[in-house]
Amino acid sequence: MIGGPTLKGMALEWEQVVVDAADPVALGQWWARALGWTVLNDSAQEYEIRPAADRLPGLIFVPVGDRRVVKNRLHPDFRPDDHDAEVDRLLALGARRAHIGQGERPWTVLLDPEGNEFCVLSSRAA
């Protein structure tokens, strides 16, 4: 059995991904605009956004004192309807292109305002 045994009646629901941030409010606001998500909590200690108030999973941004110094071990991939238009939109919001050794690929690696990597995959139609 892959993953080991499960207990009858036990279930996990993916609530959120926690993102360490130098400025949780600014980074949370940026991701809310980038994704078109709803802000559930605008506290500087836990800035939370979700696709809608009653939809999971969400992102919660929490303060940390140290800066990220290596490539992220986890990053989101997004599949847009129009790759080029979405990359342009995200760049206009403040994302930056990243070159992490990916070479020529059908996706684009971007950085959010705090330098966290994420990918914009090829368009669905492609």
Protein backbone atom coordinates (compact mmCIF):
# COMPACT_ATOMS: atom_id res chain seq x y z
CA MET A 1 0.00 0.00 0.00
CA ILE A 2 1.49 3.33 -1.05
CA GLY A 3 1.64 5.86 1.75
CA GLY A 4 0.87 3.38 4.50
CA PRO A 5 -2.38 2.52 6.23
CA THR A 6 -5.22 4.94 6.76
CA LEU A 7 -7.63 4.97 9.64
CA LYS A 8 -11.28 4.56 8.80
CA GLY A 9 -13.07 7.87 9.17
CA MET A 10 -9.87 9.91 9.12
CA ALA A 11 -9.54 12.52 6.42
CA LEU A 12 -7.30 15.46 5.77
CA GLU A 13 -8.41 18.65 4.11
CA TRP A 14 -5.81 20.98 2.60
CA GLU A 15 -6.44 24.23 4.48
CA GLN A 16 -3.64 26.52 3.33
CA VAL A 17 -0.02 27.01 2.45
CA VAL A 18 1.98 29.14 4.88
CA VAL A 19 4.32 31.64 3.22
CA ASP A 20 7.12 33.24 5.24
CA ALA A 21 7.37 36.92 4.36
CA ALA A 22 9.41 39.97 5.29
CA ASP A 23 6.24 42.04 4.79
CA PRO A 24 3.20 39.72 5.02
CA VAL A 25 0.68 42.45 4.21
CA ALA A 26 2.44 43.70 1.06
CA LEU A 27 3.16 40.19 -0.20
CA GLY A 28 -0.35 38.99 0.62
CA GLN A 29 -1.87 41.97 -1.19
CA TRP A 30 0.34 41.26 -4.22
CA TRP A 31 -0.75 37.61 -4.38
CA ALA A 32 -4.42 38.58 -3.85
CA ARG A 33 -4.18 40.86 -6.91
CA ALA A 34 -2.18 38.30 -8.92
CA LEU A 35 -4.67 35.50 -8.25
CA GLY A 36 -7.85 37.57 -7.94
CA TRP A 37 -8.44 36.04 -4.50
CA THR A 38 -10.36 37.31 -1.48
CA VAL A 39 -8.65 38.67 1.64
CA LEU A 40 -9.93 36.90 4.75
CA ASN A 41 -7.54 38.36 7.31
CA ASP A 42 -5.46 41.49 6.77
CA SER A 43 -3.41 41.25 9.98
CA ALA A 44 0.34 41.83 9.72
CA GLN A 45 0.79 38.63 11.76
CA GLU A 46 -1.39 36.40 9.54
CA TYR A 47 -2.48 37.84 6.20
CA GLU A 48 -4.81 35.25 4.66
CA ILE A 49 -6.23 34.98 1.16
CA ARG A 50 -8.44 32.34 -0.49
CA PRO A 51 -10.05 31.80 -3.89
CA ALA A 52 -13.35 32.74 -2.17
CA ALA A 53 -14.32 33.06 1.50
CA ASP A 54 -15.65 29.49 1.56
CA ARG A 55 -13.04 27.85 -0.74
CA LEU A 56 -9.82 26.07 0.14
CA PRO A 57 -6.89 25.91 0.05
CA GLY A 58 -5.70 29.39 0.83
CA LEU A 59 -2.42 31.18 1.37
CA ILE A 60 -1.45 32.69 4.70
CA PHE A 61 1.50 35.07 4.94
CA VAL A 62 3.39 35.27 8.23
CA PRO A 63 6.32 37.47 9.28
CA VAL A 64 9.88 36.17 9.45
CA GLY A 65 13.04 38.08 10.25
CA ASP A 66 15.43 36.31 7.91
CA ARG A 67 15.74 36.63 4.14
CA ARG A 68 15.39 33.74 1.74
CA VAL A 69 18.83 32.87 0.39
CA VAL A 70 18.37 29.71 -1.70
CA LYS A 71 15.94 28.43 -4.31
CA ASN A 72 12.49 27.62 -2.92
CA ARG A 73 11.94 23.96 -2.12
CA LEU A 74 8.27 24.32 -3.00
CA HIS A 75 6.74 26.62 -5.58
CA PRO A 76 3.34 26.90 -7.25
CA ASP A 77 2.72 26.26 -10.95
CA PHE A 78 -0.14 28.05 -12.68
CA ARG A 79 -1.75 27.05 -16.00
CA PRO A 80 -3.25 30.11 -17.72
CA ASP A 81 -5.60 30.37 -20.68
CA ASP A 82 -3.07 32.67 -22.40
CA HIS A 83 0.55 32.21 -21.29
CA ASP A 84 2.02 35.37 -22.83
CA ALA A 85 -0.81 37.62 -21.63
CA GLU A 86 -0.58 36.21 -18.11
CA VAL A 87 3.20 36.63 -17.92
CA ASP A 88 2.83 40.22 -19.13
CA ARG A 89 0.09 40.89 -16.54
CA LEU A 90 2.17 39.46 -13.68
CA LEU A 91 5.25 41.41 -14.77
CA ALA A 92 3.14 44.58 -14.80
CA LEU A 93 2.05 43.79 -11.21
CA GLY A 94 5.69 43.61 -10.13
CA ALA A 95 6.82 40.03 -10.76
CA ARG A 96 10.31 39.52 -12.20
CA ARG A 97 11.69 36.90 -14.56
CA ALA A 98 13.92 34.25 -12.98
CA HIS A 99 16.65 32.17 -14.51
CA ILE A 100 17.27 29.17 -12.29
CA GLY A 101 18.85 26.92 -14.89
CA GLN A 102 15.62 25.86 -16.54
CA GLY A 103 16.88 26.52 -20.09
CA GLU A 104 14.38 26.74 -22.93
CA ARG A 105 11.06 25.43 -21.63
CA PRO A 106 7.38 25.96 -22.45
CA TRP A 107 6.91 27.65 -19.06
CA THR A 108 8.17 30.86 -17.52
CA VAL A 109 9.72 31.09 -14.07
CA LEU A 110 8.87 34.31 -12.26
CA LEU A 111 9.63 35.79 -8.84
CA ASP A 112 7.09 37.51 -6.63
CA PRO A 113 8.11 40.81 -4.95
CA GLU A 114 10.00 38.96 -2.19
CA GLY A 115 11.84 36.67 -4.62
CA ASN A 116 9.74 33.50 -4.28
CA GLU A 117 9.69 31.42 -7.48
CA PHE A 118 6.53 30.38 -9.28
CA CYS A 119 5.89 29.09 -12.79
CA VAL A 120 3.45 30.13 -15.46
CA LEU A 121 2.96 27.00 -17.54
CA SER A 122 2.06 26.83 -21.22
CA SER A 123 -1.49 27.78 -22.14
CA ARG A 124 -4.24 25.20 -21.89
CA ALA A 125 -4.81 25.32 -25.64
CA ALA A 126 -1.13 24.49 -26.24
